[in-house]
C-alpha atoms as a PDB file:
ATOM      1  CA  THR A   1      44.242-231.244-143.637  1.00  0.00           C
ATOM      2  CA  SER A   2      44.650-231.205-139.872  1.00  0.00           C
ATOM      3  CA  ILE A   3      47.342-229.132-138.182  1.00  0.00           C
ATOM      4  CA  THR A   4      49.756-231.316-136.175  1.00  0.00           C
ATOM      5  CA  HIS A   5      51.980-228.671-134.553  1.00  0.00           C
ATOM      6  CA  PRO A   6      51.098-225.430-132.802  1.00  0.00           C
ATOM      7  CA  PRO A   7      51.144-222.456-135.211  1.00  0.00           C
ATOM      8  CA  ILE A   8      54.384-220.458-135.179  1.00  0.00           C
ATOM      9  CA  ALA A   9      54.312-216.668-135.417  1.00  0.00           C
ATOM     10  CA  VAL A  10      57.558-214.897-136.368  1.00  0.00           C
ATOM     11  CA  ASP A  11      57.964-211.299-137.552  1.00  0.00           C
ATOM     12  CA  GLY A  12      54.549-210.937-139.155  1.00  0.00           C
ATOM     13  CA  ALA A  13      54.464-214.462-140.599  1.00  0.00           C
ATOM     14  CA  LEU A  14      52.363-217.386-139.425  1.00  0.00           C
ATOM     15  CA  TYR A  15      53.519-220.959-140.135  1.00  0.00           C
ATOM     16  CA  PHE A  16      51.488-224.181-139.932  1.00  0.00           C
ATOM     17  CA  ILE A  17      52.576-227.794-140.455  1.00  0.00           C
ATOM     18  CA  THR A  18      49.855-230.232-141.460  1.00  0.00           C
ATOM     19  CA  GLU A  19      49.513-233.919-140.651  1.00  0.00           C
ATOM     20  CA  HIS A  20      50.555-234.676-144.241  1.00  0.00           C
ATOM     21  CA  GLY A  21      53.863-232.801-143.894  1.00  0.00           C
ATOM     22  CA  GLU A  22      52.926-229.617-145.702  1.00  0.00           C
ATOM     23  CA  MET A  23      54.200-226.353-144.254  1.00  0.00           C
ATOM     24  CA  VAL A  24      52.188-223.235-145.062  1.00  0.00           C
ATOM     25  CA  ARG A  25      53.167-219.612-144.526  1.00  0.00           C
ATOM     26  CA  LEU A  26      50.214-217.268-144.064  1.00  0.00           C
ATOM     27  CA  ASP A  27      49.881-213.524-143.846  1.00  0.00           C
ATOM     28  CA  PRO A  28      47.993-213.308-140.530  1.00  0.00           C
ATOM     29  CA  ARG A  29      46.574-209.861-141.299  1.00  0.00           C
ATOM     30  CA  LEU A  30      44.873-210.991-144.491  1.00  0.00           C
ATOM     31  CA  GLY A  31      44.581-214.738-143.874  1.00  0.00           C
ATOM     32  CA  ARG A  32      46.221-215.268-147.262  1.00  0.00           C
ATOM     33  CA  GLN A  33      48.619-218.108-148.096  1.00  0.00           C
ATOM     34  CA  ILE A  34      52.058-216.799-149.071  1.00  0.00           C
ATOM     35  CA  TRP A  35      53.652-220.164-149.905  1.00  0.00           C
ATOM     36  CA  ALA A  36      53.568-223.874-149.100  1.00  0.00           C
ATOM     37  CA  ALA A  37      56.215-226.619-149.041  1.00  0.00           C
ATOM     38  CA  ARG A  38      55.774-230.389-148.879  1.00  0.00           C
ATOM     39  CA  GLY A  39      57.671-232.979-146.851  1.00  0.00           C
ATOM     40  CA  ILE A  40      58.241-230.819-143.766  1.00  0.00           C
ATOM     41  CA  LYS A  41      58.356-232.414-140.331  1.00  0.00           C
ATOM     42  CA  ARG A  42      59.390-229.585-137.992  1.00  0.00           C
ATOM     43  CA  PHE A  43      60.034-225.846-137.836  1.00  0.00           C
ATOM     44  CA  VAL A  44      63.474-225.000-136.400  1.00  0.00           C
ATOM     45  CA  ALA A  45      64.106-221.256-136.787  1.00  0.00           C
ATOM     46  CA  GLN A  46      63.704-218.145-138.906  1.00  0.00           C
ATOM     47  CA  SER A  47      66.256-215.454-139.660  1.00  0.00           C
ATOM     48  CA  LYS A  48      65.647-212.253-141.595  1.00  0.00           C
ATOM     49  CA  ASP A  49      65.729-213.981-144.990  1.00  0.00           C
ATOM     50  CA  ARG A  50      65.607-217.714-144.242  1.00  0.00           C
ATOM     51  CA  VAL A  51      63.336-220.319-142.681  1.00  0.00           C
ATOM     52  CA  TYR A  52      64.966-223.468-141.288  1.00  0.00           C
ATOM     53  CA  VAL A  53      62.976-226.702-141.080  1.00  0.00           C
ATOM     54  CA  VAL A  54      63.563-230.433-140.780  1.00  0.00           C
ATOM     55  CA  ASP A  55      62.059-232.452-143.601  1.00  0.00           C
ATOM     56  CA  THR A  56      60.686-235.982-143.601  1.00  0.00           C
ATOM     57  CA  ALA A  57      64.086-237.300-144.827  1.00  0.00           C
ATOM     58  CA  ASN A  58      65.765-235.859-141.673  1.00  0.00           C
ATOM     59  CA  ARG A  59      67.498-233.051-143.526  1.00  0.00           C
ATOM     60  CA  LEU A  60      67.824-229.514-142.218  1.00  0.00           C
ATOM     61  CA  GLN A  61      66.500-227.294-145.003  1.00  0.00           C
ATOM     62  CA  ALA A  62      67.117-223.605-145.550  1.00  0.00           C
ATOM     63  CA  ARG A  63      64.240-221.952-147.428  1.00  0.00           C
ATOM     64  CA  ASP A  64      63.757-218.411-148.649  1.00  0.00           C
ATOM     65  CA  ALA A  65      61.392-216.804-146.130  1.00  0.00           C
ATOM     66  CA  ALA A  66      59.609-214.708-148.752  1.00  0.00           C
ATOM     67  CA  THR A  67      59.047-217.383-151.405  1.00  0.00           C
ATOM     68  CA  GLY A  68      59.520-220.739-149.664  1.00  0.00           C
ATOM     69  CA  LEU A  69      62.013-221.857-152.314  1.00  0.00           C
ATOM     70  CA  LEU A  70      64.572-224.419-151.160  1.00  0.00           C
ATOM     71  CA  ILE A  71      68.051-222.927-150.850  1.00  0.00           C
ATOM     72  CA  GLY A  72      69.878-225.985-149.525  1.00  0.00           C
ATOM     73  CA  ALA A  73      69.687-228.992-147.228  1.00  0.00           C
ATOM     74  CA  VAL A  74      72.012-231.101-145.110  1.00  0.00           C
ATOM     75  CA  SER A  75      71.363-234.407-143.351  1.00  0.00           C
ATOM     76  CA  VAL A  76      70.838-234.206-139.594  1.00  0.00           C
ATOM     77  CA  ALA A  77      70.107-237.915-139.125  1.00  0.00           C
ATOM     78  CA  GLY A  78      71.505-238.992-135.758  1.00  0.00           C
ATOM     79  CA  PHE A  79      71.660-235.436-134.381  1.00  0.00           C
ATOM     80  CA  GLU A  80      69.382-233.939-131.749  1.00  0.00           C
ATOM     81  CA  LEU A  81      68.306-230.422-132.687  1.00  0.00           C
ATOM     82  CA  ALA A  82      67.249-227.889-130.092  1.00  0.00           C
ATOM     83  CA  SER A  83      63.652-226.770-129.765  1.00  0.00           C
ATOM     84  CA  ALA A  84      62.272-224.276-132.245  1.00  0.00           C
ATOM     85  CA  ASN A  85      63.860-220.853-132.020  1.00  0.00           C
END
């Protein structure tokens, strides 16, 4: 599907968010998909081990950067979050 946000490059990872709310992490050297997650609206930040995104239910999610598995989420409805870090 179409990409709706500019690609985000962080520490050797490349993230894309599609128009259907799927976030994909690619290995930019090989062009290989590492993982994908559905229901993602916006990239917020990445730390060494975590990726932080806002989902389509207006929750801030913490995901494992290596696997994409959901670690936890908290509602941010009514809050303004800063631009992507």
